[in-house]
C-alpha atoms as a PDB file:
ATOM      1  CA  MET A   1      -3.438 -34.019   5.912  1.00  0.00           C
ATOM      2  CA  ILE A   2      -3.794 -33.143   2.351  1.00  0.00           C
ATOM      3  CA  ALA A   3      -4.576 -29.759   0.671  1.00  0.00           C
ATOM      4  CA  VAL A   4      -5.362 -28.955  -2.962  1.00  0.00           C
ATOM      5  CA  ILE A   5      -4.722 -25.510  -4.275  1.00  0.00           C
ATOM      6  CA  LEU A   6      -6.452 -24.563  -7.481  1.00  0.00           C
ATOM      7  CA  VAL A   7      -3.981 -22.526  -9.553  1.00  0.00           C
ATOM      8  CA  GLY A   8      -5.210 -23.251 -13.099  1.00  0.00           C
ATOM      9  CA  GLY A   9      -6.873 -19.953 -14.012  1.00  0.00           C
ATOM     10  CA  GLU A  10      -5.539 -17.512 -16.539  1.00  0.00           C
ATOM     11  CA  GLY A  11      -5.968 -14.405 -14.354  1.00  0.00           C
ATOM     12  CA  THR A  12      -7.433 -12.468 -17.231  1.00  0.00           C
ATOM     13  CA  ARG A  13      -8.584  -9.518 -15.012  1.00  0.00           C
ATOM     14  CA  LEU A  14      -4.960  -9.090 -13.901  1.00  0.00           C
ATOM     15  CA  ARG A  15      -3.617  -8.864 -17.420  1.00  0.00           C
ATOM     16  CA  PRO A  16      -0.957  -7.842 -18.517  1.00  0.00           C
ATOM     17  CA  LEU A  17       0.703  -9.120 -15.254  1.00  0.00           C
ATOM     18  CA  THR A  18      -0.462 -12.547 -15.887  1.00  0.00           C
ATOM     19  CA  LEU A  19       0.625 -12.960 -19.457  1.00  0.00           C
ATOM     20  CA  ASP A  20       4.065 -14.217 -18.422  1.00  0.00           C
ATOM     21  CA  ARG A  21       3.376 -15.774 -14.892  1.00  0.00           C
ATOM     22  CA  PRO A  22       0.277 -17.176 -13.203  1.00  0.00           C
ATOM     23  CA  LYS A  23      -1.815 -15.075 -10.819  1.00  0.00           C
ATOM     24  CA  ALA A  24      -0.728 -17.188  -7.871  1.00  0.00           C
ATOM     25  CA  MET A  25       2.877 -16.305  -8.496  1.00  0.00           C
ATOM     26  CA  LEU A  26       2.473 -12.543  -8.456  1.00  0.00           C
ATOM     27  CA  PRO A  27       4.309 -10.982  -5.474  1.00  0.00           C
ATOM     28  CA  ILE A  28       2.348  -9.946  -2.418  1.00  0.00           C
ATOM     29  CA  ALA A  29       4.445  -7.894   0.013  1.00  0.00           C
ATOM     30  CA  GLY A  30       7.561  -9.054  -1.918  1.00  0.00           C
ATOM     31  CA  ARG A  31       6.881 -12.739  -1.951  1.00  0.00           C
ATOM     32  CA  PRO A  32       4.946 -15.011  -4.400  1.00  0.00           C
ATOM     33  CA  PHE A  33       1.349 -15.142  -3.273  1.00  0.00           C
ATOM     34  CA  LEU A  34       1.517 -18.929  -2.967  1.00  0.00           C
ATOM     35  CA  ALA A  35       4.176 -18.673  -0.344  1.00  0.00           C
ATOM     36  CA  HIS A  36       1.653 -16.952   1.951  1.00  0.00           C
ATOM     37  CA  MET A  37      -0.800 -19.733   1.296  1.00  0.00           C
ATOM     38  CA  LEU A  38       1.724 -22.459   1.880  1.00  0.00           C
ATOM     39  CA  ASP A  39       2.786 -20.913   5.219  1.00  0.00           C
ATOM     40  CA  ARG A  40      -0.893 -21.064   6.424  1.00  0.00           C
ATOM     41  CA  LEU A  41      -1.214 -24.687   5.404  1.00  0.00           C
ATOM     42  CA  ALA A  42       1.976 -25.675   7.223  1.00  0.00           C
ATOM     43  CA  SER A  43       0.614 -23.857  10.325  1.00  0.00           C
ATOM     44  CA  ALA A  44      -2.511 -25.990  10.023  1.00  0.00           C
ATOM     45  CA  GLY A  45      -0.562 -29.279  10.090  1.00  0.00           C
ATOM     46  CA  VAL A  46      -0.837 -30.008   6.401  1.00  0.00           C
ATOM     47  CA  LYS A  47       1.878 -32.409   5.228  1.00  0.00           C
ATOM     48  CA  ARG A  48       1.011 -32.802   1.487  1.00  0.00           C
ATOM     49  CA  VAL A  49      -0.007 -30.215  -0.912  1.00  0.00           C
ATOM     50  CA  VAL A  50      -1.235 -30.856  -4.518  1.00  0.00           C
ATOM     51  CA  PHE A  51      -1.243 -27.898  -6.906  1.00  0.00           C
ATOM     52  CA  SER A  52      -4.119 -28.244  -9.433  1.00  0.00           C
ATOM     53  CA  CYS A  53      -2.373 -26.497 -12.443  1.00  0.00           C
ATOM     54  CA  GLY A  54      -3.446 -25.489 -15.871  1.00  0.00           C
ATOM     55  CA  TYR A  55      -2.157 -22.161 -17.145  1.00  0.00           C
ATOM     56  CA  LEU A  56       1.551 -21.658 -16.937  1.00  0.00           C
ATOM     57  CA  PRO A  57       2.511 -24.322 -14.299  1.00  0.00           C
ATOM     58  CA  ASP A  58       6.162 -24.089 -15.053  1.00  0.00           C
ATOM     59  CA  PRO A  59       6.826 -20.946 -12.836  1.00  0.00           C
ATOM     60  CA  ILE A  60       5.199 -22.639  -9.847  1.00  0.00           C
ATOM     61  CA  VAL A  61       7.241 -25.730 -10.222  1.00  0.00           C
ATOM     62  CA  ALA A  62      10.484 -23.815 -10.602  1.00  0.00           C
ATOM     63  CA  ALA A  63       9.775 -21.654  -7.544  1.00  0.00           C
ATOM     64  CA  PHE A  64       8.641 -24.311  -5.105  1.00  0.00           C
ATOM     65  CA  GLY A  65       9.864 -27.694  -6.227  1.00  0.00           C
ATOM     66  CA  ASP A  66       8.810 -30.690  -4.207  1.00  0.00           C
ATOM     67  CA  LEU A  67       9.153 -29.515  -0.705  1.00  0.00           C
ATOM     68  CA  TYR A  68       8.191 -26.424   1.328  1.00  0.00           C
ATOM     69  CA  GLY A  69       8.019 -25.923   5.078  1.00  0.00           C
ATOM     70  CA  GLY A  70       8.107 -29.652   5.787  1.00  0.00           C
ATOM     71  CA  MET A  71       5.187 -30.283   3.200  1.00  0.00           C
ATOM     72  CA  THR A  72       5.645 -32.416   0.210  1.00  0.00           C
ATOM     73  CA  LEU A  73       4.472 -30.609  -3.041  1.00  0.00           C
ATOM     74  CA  GLU A  74       2.915 -32.363  -5.997  1.00  0.00           C
ATOM     75  CA  TYR A  75       1.556 -30.991  -9.263  1.00  0.00           C
ATOM     76  CA  ALA A  76      -1.444 -32.187 -11.203  1.00  0.00           C
ATOM     77  CA  VAL A  77      -1.523 -30.451 -14.653  1.00  0.00           C
ATOM     78  CA  GLU A  78      -4.961 -30.499 -16.286  1.00  0.00           C
ATOM     79  CA  PRO A  79      -4.949 -31.601 -19.948  1.00  0.00           C
ATOM     80  CA  ALA A  80      -7.963 -29.094 -20.418  1.00  0.00           C
ATOM     81  CA  PRO A  81      -9.824 -26.765 -18.093  1.00  0.00           C
ATOM     82  CA  MET A  82     -12.068 -28.724 -15.778  1.00  0.00           C
ATOM     83  CA  ASP A  83     -13.660 -25.954 -13.634  1.00  0.00           C
ATOM     84  CA  THR A  84     -13.392 -25.980  -9.813  1.00  0.00           C
ATOM     85  CA  ALA A  85     -14.856 -29.391  -8.892  1.00  0.00           C
ATOM     86  CA  GLY A  86     -13.408 -31.132 -11.831  1.00  0.00           C
ATOM     87  CA  ALA A  87      -9.978 -29.646 -11.129  1.00  0.00           C
ATOM     88  CA  ILE A  88     -10.096 -30.862  -7.453  1.00  0.00           C
ATOM     89  CA  ARG A  89     -11.217 -34.251  -8.470  1.00  0.00           C
ATOM     90  CA  PHE A  90      -8.362 -34.579 -11.010  1.00  0.00           C
ATOM     91  CA  ALA A  91      -5.846 -33.495  -8.426  1.00  0.00           C
ATOM     92  CA  ILE A  92      -6.930 -35.924  -5.743  1.00  0.00           C
ATOM     93  CA  GLU A  93      -7.079 -39.087  -7.888  1.00  0.00           C
ATOM     94  CA  GLY A  94      -5.106 -41.726  -6.117  1.00  0.00           C
ATOM     95  CA  ARG A  95      -3.899 -39.339  -3.490  1.00  0.00           C
ATOM     96  CA  LEU A  96      -6.571 -39.376  -0.651  1.00  0.00           C
ATOM     97  CA  ASP A  97      -5.847 -41.152   2.693  1.00  0.00           C
ATOM     98  CA  GLY A  98      -9.311 -41.370   4.024  1.00  0.00           C
ATOM     99  CA  THR A  99      -9.290 -38.190   5.978  1.00  0.00           C
ATOM    100  CA  PRO A 100     -10.792 -34.744   5.231  1.00  0.00           C
ATOM    101  CA  PHE A 101      -8.779 -32.592   3.032  1.00  0.00           C
ATOM    102  CA  PHE A 102      -8.584 -28.791   2.210  1.00  0.00           C
ATOM    103  CA  ALA A 103      -9.510 -27.360  -1.205  1.00  0.00           C
ATOM    104  CA  LEU A 104      -8.353 -23.707  -1.616  1.00  0.00           C
ATOM    105  CA  ASN A 105      -8.810 -21.194  -4.455  1.00  0.00           C
ATOM    106  CA  GLY A 106      -5.281 -20.053  -5.282  1.00  0.00           C
ATOM    107  CA  ASP A 107      -6.181 -16.364  -5.356  1.00  0.00           C
ATOM    108  CA  VAL A 108      -7.649 -15.775  -1.981  1.00  0.00           C
ATOM    109  CA  LEU A 109      -5.766 -14.040   0.855  1.00  0.00           C
ATOM    110  CA  MET A 110      -7.492 -15.241   4.095  1.00  0.00           C
ATOM    111  CA  GLU A 111      -5.870 -14.820   7.489  1.00  0.00           C
ATOM    112  CA  ALA A 112      -8.396 -16.975   9.503  1.00  0.00           C
ATOM    113  CA  SER A 113      -7.054 -20.228  10.981  1.00  0.00           C
ATOM    114  CA  LEU A 114      -7.368 -23.219   8.707  1.00  0.00           C
ATOM    115  CA  ALA A 115      -6.847 -25.426  11.683  1.00  0.00           C
ATOM    116  CA  ASP A 116     -10.112 -23.942  13.199  1.00  0.00           C
ATOM    117  CA  LEU A 117     -11.756 -24.565   9.852  1.00  0.00           C
ATOM    118  CA  MET A 118     -10.853 -28.178   9.974  1.00  0.00           C
ATOM    119  CA  ALA A 119     -11.866 -28.571  13.552  1.00  0.00           C
ATOM    120  CA  PHE A 120     -15.307 -27.109  12.773  1.00  0.00           C
ATOM    121  CA  HIS A 121     -15.820 -29.564   9.896  1.00  0.00           C
ATOM    122  CA  ILE A 122     -14.879 -32.543  12.023  1.00  0.00           C
ATOM    123  CA  THR A 123     -16.933 -31.620  15.129  1.00  0.00           C
ATOM    124  CA  ARG A 124     -20.041 -30.917  12.894  1.00  0.00           C
ATOM    125  CA  GLY A 125     -19.615 -34.347  11.184  1.00  0.00           C
ATOM    126  CA  ALA A 126     -19.959 -32.429   7.932  1.00  0.00           C
ATOM    127  CA  ARG A 127     -19.808 -33.875   4.454  1.00  0.00           C
ATOM    128  CA  ALA A 128     -18.462 -30.588   3.162  1.00  0.00           C
ATOM    129  CA  THR A 129     -17.669 -27.242   4.761  1.00  0.00           C
ATOM    130  CA  VAL A 130     -17.651 -23.848   2.981  1.00  0.00           C
ATOM    131  CA  THR A 131     -15.825 -21.011   4.466  1.00  0.00           C
ATOM    132  CA  LEU A 132     -17.784 -17.817   4.513  1.00  0.00           C
ATOM    133  CA  THR A 133     -16.734 -14.078   4.784  1.00  0.00           C
ATOM    134  CA  GLU A 134     -18.846 -11.019   5.280  1.00  0.00           C
ATOM    135  CA  VAL A 135     -19.060  -8.451   2.518  1.00  0.00           C
ATOM    136  CA  PRO A 136     -21.189  -5.445   1.764  1.00  0.00           C
ATOM    137  CA  ASP A 137     -22.001  -6.528  -1.825  1.00  0.00           C
ATOM    138  CA  PRO A 138     -22.461 -10.247  -2.642  1.00  0.00           C
ATOM    139  CA  THR A 139     -23.157  -9.935  -6.334  1.00  0.00           C
ATOM    140  CA  ARG A 140     -19.476 -10.851  -7.278  1.00  0.00           C
ATOM    141  CA  TYR A 141     -19.511 -14.022  -5.271  1.00  0.00           C
ATOM    142  CA  GLY A 142     -21.507 -16.972  -3.975  1.00  0.00           C
ATOM    143  CA  LEU A 143     -24.053 -15.961  -1.376  1.00  0.00           C
ATOM    144  CA  VAL A 144     -24.697 -18.504   1.245  1.00  0.00           C
ATOM    145  CA  LEU A 145     -27.491 -18.789   3.844  1.00  0.00           C
ATOM    146  CA  ALA A 146     -26.816 -20.837   6.975  1.00  0.00           C
ATOM    147  CA  ASP A 147     -28.471 -21.261  10.377  1.00  0.00           C
ATOM    148  CA  ASP A 148     -26.737 -20.571  13.671  1.00  0.00           C
ATOM    149  CA  HIS A 149     -25.142 -23.875  13.774  1.00  0.00           C
ATOM    150  CA  GLY A 150     -23.648 -23.484  10.247  1.00  0.00           C
ATOM    151  CA  LEU A 151     -26.046 -25.799   8.480  1.00  0.00           C
ATOM    152  CA  VAL A 152     -26.426 -24.399   4.963  1.00  0.00           C
ATOM    153  CA  GLN A 153     -29.909 -23.664   3.973  1.00  0.00           C
ATOM    154  CA  ALA A 154     -29.358 -22.167   0.519  1.00  0.00           C
ATOM    155  CA  PHE A 155     -26.431 -21.640  -1.925  1.00  0.00           C
ATOM    156  CA  VAL A 156     -26.793 -19.035  -4.524  1.00  0.00           C
ATOM    157  CA  GLU A 157     -23.736 -18.573  -6.810  1.00  0.00           C
ATOM    158  CA  LYS A 158     -23.192 -14.941  -7.860  1.00  0.00           C
ATOM    159  CA  PRO A 159     -26.786 -13.644  -7.299  1.00  0.00           C
ATOM    160  CA  GLU A 160     -28.285 -11.030  -9.425  1.00  0.00           C
ATOM    161  CA  PRO A 161     -28.295  -7.574  -7.786  1.00  0.00           C
ATOM    162  CA  ASP A 162     -32.162  -7.550  -7.511  1.00  0.00           C
ATOM    163  CA  ALA A 163     -32.042 -10.921  -5.822  1.00  0.00           C
ATOM    164  CA  ALA A 164     -29.389  -9.905  -3.345  1.00  0.00           C
ATOM    165  CA  VAL A 165     -31.150  -6.717  -2.167  1.00  0.00           C
ATOM    166  CA  THR A 166     -34.235  -8.653  -1.087  1.00  0.00           C
ATOM    167  CA  LEU A 167     -32.218 -10.418   1.636  1.00  0.00           C
ATOM    168  CA  GLU A 168     -31.160  -8.935   4.966  1.00  0.00           C
ATOM    169  CA  PRO A 169     -27.484  -8.140   5.709  1.00  0.00           C
ATOM    170  CA  PRO A 170     -25.033  -9.278   6.825  1.00  0.00           C
ATOM    171  CA  TYR A 171     -24.136 -10.917   3.527  1.00  0.00           C
ATOM    172  CA  TRP A 172     -22.018 -14.022   3.821  1.00  0.00           C
ATOM    173  CA  ILE A 173     -20.311 -15.105   0.677  1.00  0.00           C
ATOM    174  CA  ASN A 174     -18.314 -18.181  -0.433  1.00  0.00           C
ATOM    175  CA  ALA A 175     -14.660 -17.355   0.637  1.00  0.00           C
ATOM    176  CA  GLY A 176     -13.116 -19.991  -1.603  1.00  0.00           C
ATOM    177  CA  ALA A 177     -11.819 -22.401   1.000  1.00  0.00           C
ATOM    178  CA  TYR A 178     -13.274 -25.800   1.579  1.00  0.00           C
ATOM    179  CA  VAL A 179     -13.056 -28.923   3.544  1.00  0.00           C
ATOM    180  CA  LEU A 180     -14.122 -32.128   1.653  1.00  0.00           C
ATOM    181  CA  ASP A 181     -14.245 -35.804   2.250  1.00  0.00           C
ATOM    182  CA  SER A 182     -13.761 -39.016   0.254  1.00  0.00           C
ATOM    183  CA  TRP A 183     -17.396 -38.889  -0.929  1.00  0.00           C
ATOM    184  CA  PHE A 184     -16.188 -36.355  -3.355  1.00  0.00           C
ATOM    185  CA  LEU A 185     -14.644 -39.093  -5.384  1.00  0.00           C
ATOM    186  CA  ASP A 186     -18.044 -40.600  -6.221  1.00  0.00           C
ATOM    187  CA  ALA A 187     -19.828 -37.345  -6.405  1.00  0.00           C
ATOM    188  CA  VAL A 188     -17.647 -35.859  -9.176  1.00  0.00           C
ATOM    189  CA  PRO A 189     -16.837 -37.717 -12.294  1.00  0.00           C
ATOM    190  CA  TYR A 190     -13.125 -38.085 -13.023  1.00  0.00           C
ATOM    191  CA  MET A 191     -11.812 -36.065 -16.058  1.00  0.00           C
ATOM    192  CA  GLU A 192     -15.031 -34.095 -16.483  1.00  0.00           C
ATOM    193  CA  ARG A 193     -15.763 -30.362 -16.368  1.00  0.00           C
ATOM    194  CA  VAL A 194     -17.769 -29.718 -13.140  1.00  0.00           C
ATOM    195  CA  ASN A 195     -18.313 -26.512 -11.129  1.00  0.00           C
ATOM    196  CA  ILE A 196     -18.311 -27.037  -7.305  1.00  0.00           C
ATOM    197  CA  GLU A 197     -20.464 -23.959  -6.448  1.00  0.00           C
ATOM    198  CA  ARG A 198     -23.206 -24.479  -9.125  1.00  0.00           C
ATOM    199  CA  GLU A 199     -23.279 -28.229  -9.499  1.00  0.00           C
ATOM    200  CA  VAL A 200     -22.009 -29.920  -6.335  1.00  0.00           C
ATOM    201  CA  PHE A 201     -22.782 -27.753  -3.340  1.00  0.00           C
ATOM    202  CA  PRO A 202     -26.575 -27.265  -4.277  1.00  0.00           C
ATOM    203  CA  THR A 203     -26.972 -31.088  -4.187  1.00  0.00           C
ATOM    204  CA  LEU A 204     -25.661 -31.138  -0.562  1.00  0.00           C
ATOM    205  CA  VAL A 205     -28.012 -28.601   1.006  1.00  0.00           C
ATOM    206  CA  GLY A 206     -29.729 -30.348   3.825  1.00  0.00           C
ATOM    207  CA  ARG A 207     -27.407 -33.369   3.299  1.00  0.00           C
ATOM    208  CA  GLY A 208     -24.355 -32.338   5.436  1.00  0.00           C
ATOM    209  CA  LEU A 209     -23.182 -29.022   3.822  1.00  0.00           C
ATOM    210  CA  TYR A 210     -21.836 -26.737   6.625  1.00  0.00           C
ATOM    211  CA  ALA A 211     -20.655 -23.144   6.555  1.00  0.00           C
ATOM    212  CA  TRP A 212     -17.835 -21.761   8.768  1.00  0.00           C
ATOM    213  CA  ARG A 213     -17.966 -18.005   9.157  1.00  0.00           C
ATOM    214  CA  CYS A 214     -14.354 -16.803   9.256  1.00  0.00           C
ATOM    215  CA  ALA A 215     -13.088 -13.610  10.913  1.00  0.00           C
ATOM    216  CA  GLY A 216     -10.240 -11.365   9.956  1.00  0.00           C
ATOM    217  CA  TYR A 217      -8.895 -10.102   6.693  1.00  0.00           C
ATOM    218  CA  TRP A 218     -10.091 -11.631   3.458  1.00  0.00           C
ATOM    219  CA  ASN A 219      -9.334 -10.565  -0.077  1.00  0.00           C
ATOM    220  CA  ASP A 220      -9.834 -12.147  -3.631  1.00  0.00           C
ATOM    221  CA  ILE A 221      -6.612 -10.771  -5.296  1.00  0.00           C
ATOM    222  CA  GLY A 222      -8.021 -11.353  -8.840  1.00  0.00           C
ATOM    223  CA  THR A 223      -8.532  -7.640  -9.859  1.00  0.00           C
ATOM    224  CA  PRO A 224      -5.972  -4.819  -9.958  1.00  0.00           C
ATOM    225  CA  GLU A 225      -7.699  -2.994  -7.178  1.00  0.00           C
ATOM    226  CA  SER A 226      -7.743  -6.029  -4.889  1.00  0.00           C
ATOM    227  CA  TYR A 227      -4.253  -7.031  -5.808  1.00  0.00           C
ATOM    228  CA  LEU A 228      -3.025  -3.584  -4.689  1.00  0.00           C
ATOM    229  CA  ALA A 229      -5.152  -3.701  -1.566  1.00  0.00           C
ATOM    230  CA  ALA A 230      -3.706  -7.074  -0.550  1.00  0.00           C
ATOM    231  CA  ASN A 231      -0.195  -5.640  -0.882  1.00  0.00           C
ATOM    232  CA  MET A 232      -1.279  -2.548   1.074  1.00  0.00           C
ATOM    233  CA  HIS A 233      -2.855  -4.569   3.863  1.00  0.00           C
ATOM    234  CA  LEU A 234       0.367  -6.763   4.439  1.00  0.00           C
ATOM    235  CA  THR A 235       2.718  -3.784   4.367  1.00  0.00           C
ATOM    236  CA  GLY A 236       0.496  -1.303   6.332  1.00  0.00           C
ATOM    237  CA  GLY A 237       0.085   0.935   3.290  1.00  0.00           C
ATOM    238  CA  GLU A 238       3.639   1.026   2.215  1.00  0.00           C
ATOM    239  CA  THR A 239       4.847   0.904  -1.302  1.00  0.00           C
ATOM    240  CA  VAL A 240       6.282  -2.463  -2.275  1.00  0.00           C
ATOM    241  CA  LEU A 241       9.575  -2.668  -4.268  1.00  0.00           C
ATOM    242  CA  GLY A 242      10.597  -6.089  -5.689  1.00  0.00           C
ATOM    243  CA  ALA A 243      14.061  -7.408  -5.689  1.00  0.00           C
ATOM    244  CA  GLY A 244      16.448  -5.395  -7.869  1.00  0.00           C
ATOM    245  CA  ALA A 245      13.876  -2.498  -8.452  1.00  0.00           C
ATOM    246  CA  ALA A 246      15.234   1.001  -8.415  1.00  0.00           C
ATOM    247  CA  VAL A 247      13.730   4.372  -7.767  1.00  0.00           C
ATOM    248  CA  ARG A 248      15.948   7.189  -9.225  1.00  0.00           C
ATOM    249  CA  GLU A 249      16.594  10.608  -7.771  1.00  0.00           C
ATOM    250  CA  GLY A 250      13.566  12.775  -7.329  1.00  0.00           C
ATOM    251  CA  ALA A 251      11.060  10.035  -8.046  1.00  0.00           C
ATOM    252  CA  THR A 252       7.933   9.361  -6.027  1.00  0.00           C
ATOM    253  CA  VAL A 253       6.292   5.958  -5.586  1.00  0.00           C
ATOM    254  CA  ASP A 254       3.122   5.907  -3.302  1.00  0.00           C
ATOM    255  CA  ARG A 255       0.643   3.102  -2.649  1.00  0.00           C
ATOM    256  CA  SER A 256       2.050   1.021  -5.512  1.00  0.00           C
ATOM    257  CA  VAL A 257       3.758  -2.152  -6.295  1.00  0.00           C
ATOM    258  CA  VAL A 258       6.910  -2.255  -8.310  1.00  0.00           C
ATOM    259  CA  HIS A 259       7.942  -5.631  -9.415  1.00  0.00           C
ATOM    260  CA  GLU A 260      11.404  -7.065  -9.707  1.00  0.00           C
ATOM    261  CA  ASP A 261      14.049  -5.158 -11.664  1.00  0.00           C
ATOM    262  CA  ALA A 262      11.763  -2.323 -12.672  1.00  0.00           C
ATOM    263  CA  VAL A 263      13.174   1.227 -12.855  1.00  0.00           C
ATOM    264  CA  ILE A 264      11.357   4.397 -11.936  1.00  0.00           C
ATOM    265  CA  GLY A 265      13.218   7.227 -13.596  1.00  0.00           C
ATOM    266  CA  PRO A 266      14.312  10.613 -12.152  1.00  0.00           C
ATOM    267  CA  GLY A 267      11.424  12.810 -11.200  1.00  0.00           C
ATOM    268  CA  ALA A 268       8.787  10.209 -12.214  1.00  0.00           C
ATOM    269  CA  VAL A 269       5.581   9.833 -10.091  1.00  0.00           C
ATOM    270  CA  VAL A 270       3.828   6.470  -9.601  1.00  0.00           C
ATOM    271  CA  THR A 271       0.721   6.292  -7.416  1.00  0.00           C
ATOM    272  CA  ASP A 272      -1.901   3.558  -6.914  1.00  0.00           C
ATOM    273  CA  SER A 273      -0.454   1.507  -9.731  1.00  0.00           C
ATOM    274  CA  VAL A 274       1.529  -1.636 -10.498  1.00  0.00           C
ATOM    275  CA  ILE A 275       4.734  -1.707 -12.511  1.00  0.00           C
ATOM    276  CA  GLY A 276       5.675  -5.019 -13.967  1.00  0.00           C
ATOM    277  CA  ARG A 277       9.082  -6.683 -13.605  1.00  0.00           C
ATOM    278  CA  GLY A 278      11.818  -5.195 -15.729  1.00  0.00           C
ATOM    279  CA  ALA A 279       9.652  -2.309 -16.857  1.00  0.00           C
ATOM    280  CA  ARG A 280      11.128   1.285 -17.116  1.00  0.00           C
ATOM    281  CA  VAL A 281       9.184   4.404 -16.246  1.00  0.00           C
ATOM    282  CA  GLY A 282      10.940   7.248 -17.924  1.00  0.00           C
ATOM    283  CA  ALA A 283      12.067  10.526 -16.304  1.00  0.00           C
ATOM    284  CA  ARG A 284       9.203  12.803 -15.192  1.00  0.00           C
ATOM    285  CA  ALA A 285       6.490  10.301 -16.368  1.00  0.00           C
ATOM    286  CA  GLN A 286       3.349  10.019 -14.172  1.00  0.00           C
ATOM    287  CA  ILE A 287       1.593   6.707 -13.644  1.00  0.00           C
ATOM    288  CA  SER A 288      -1.625   6.794 -11.586  1.00  0.00           C
ATOM    289  CA  GLY A 289      -5.281   5.779 -11.115  1.00  0.00           C
ATOM    290  CA  GLY A 290      -4.831   2.023 -10.870  1.00  0.00           C
ATOM    291  CA  SER A 291      -2.553   1.708 -13.978  1.00  0.00           C
ATOM    292  CA  ILE A 292      -0.811  -1.552 -14.710  1.00  0.00           C
ATOM    293  CA  VAL A 293       2.378  -1.604 -16.699  1.00  0.00           C
ATOM    294  CA  ALA A 294       3.493  -4.953 -18.253  1.00  0.00           C
ATOM    295  CA  ALA A 295       6.749  -6.642 -17.634  1.00  0.00           C
ATOM    296  CA  GLY A 296       9.429  -5.200 -19.830  1.00  0.00           C
ATOM    297  CA  VAL A 297       7.494  -2.102 -21.070  1.00  0.00           C
ATOM    298  CA  ASP A 298       9.350   1.206 -21.489  1.00  0.00           C
ATOM    299  CA  ILE A 299       7.200   4.281 -20.624  1.00  0.00           C
ATOM    300  CA  ALA A 300       8.573   7.385 -22.390  1.00  0.00           C
ATOM    301  CA  ASP A 301       9.960  10.361 -20.631  1.00  0.00           C
ATOM    302  CA  GLY A 302       7.170  12.749 -19.549  1.00  0.00           C
ATOM    303  CA  ARG A 303       4.308  10.391 -20.510  1.00  0.00           C
ATOM    304  CA  SER A 304       1.158  10.506 -18.465  1.00  0.00           C
ATOM    305  CA  VAL A 305      -0.787   7.188 -17.796  1.00  0.00           C
ATOM    306  CA  VAL A 306      -4.000   7.364 -15.846  1.00  0.00           C
ATOM    307  CA  GLY A 307      -6.092   4.178 -15.134  1.00  0.00           C
ATOM    308  CA  GLU A 308      -4.628   2.250 -18.203  1.00  0.00           C
ATOM    309  CA  LYS A 309      -3.190  -1.196 -18.861  1.00  0.00           C
ATOM    310  CA  ILE A 310      -0.166  -0.885 -20.796  1.00  0.00           C
ATOM    311  CA  PHE A 311       0.764  -4.088 -22.670  1.00  0.00           C
ATOM    312  CA  ARG A 312       4.257  -4.907 -24.161  1.00  0.00           C
ATOM    313  CA  GLU A 313       2.512  -6.380 -27.091  1.00  0.00           C
ATOM    314  CA  ALA A 314      -1.297  -6.550 -27.836  1.00  0.00           C
ATOM    315  CA  PRO A 315      -2.866  -9.698 -26.309  1.00  0.00           C
ATOM    316  CA  ASP A 316      -4.549 -12.219 -28.629  1.00  0.00           C
ATOM    317  CA  GLY A 317      -7.896 -10.870 -29.850  1.00  0.00           C
ATOM    318  CA  ALA A 318      -7.161  -7.377 -28.890  1.00  0.00           C
END
């Protein structure tokens, strides 16, 4: 069984954390996010994983190599961004074995069983299966309407707020995990930019597109708030300290993530924030309100940072 993981995005909403490593390599509960995904794929019986890479592929290759948990790992590096369907099509070229395969967004923490997802796809005889999760507000995501058997009736990618409120809850949205078949080779042109949510799935409505409603925890880690929430979920609300991180005497770190080799100085207070690897928070400094401190930044003694992103250097265009 094959799985494709999309890890080509630049993670702009998580900058400055993603300036020096891809979003999928950020630590969640002390481990690279991709390690959690790979564990789930191994549990589902996957034997071969292809990373569809674009932005900063080298840290992924260096961390995981070509073998993990009994699965072989391969890397397909896009020459240019190809969007979701184009990236999947590029990654599977010459690799399919005639059986259904998983395609997963590389920024979604989903604890539902992938084996159950595959079983649903096969028993329905689906051409494609979209995983759904329930949310109170669907406007950030793809809203999916399906009947009681899972047959998709409408697929609306990121509906406008006015359109969403005309529908009755519960709101089931695209959860970023799919099962696809070999028809995908013919449906999506090779080496072209194509979006799976807006250009591929709508053509399958009424033609074998099914939706699987998953249960359990789900989180798109692509924002500072959701990245923190994912860490808090997996640790039961505890602060996460990366390898080599240090908290000096009298310092307080609460509901926060401190990356590798960062130092929290004496008497400093860090709450609801992320401190990048190798950063230094000076004595008596206060970091709060969802702040993000980039790798290697030195926060001066006594400084107060509330709800800010602190870059080591200004990003391009800033």
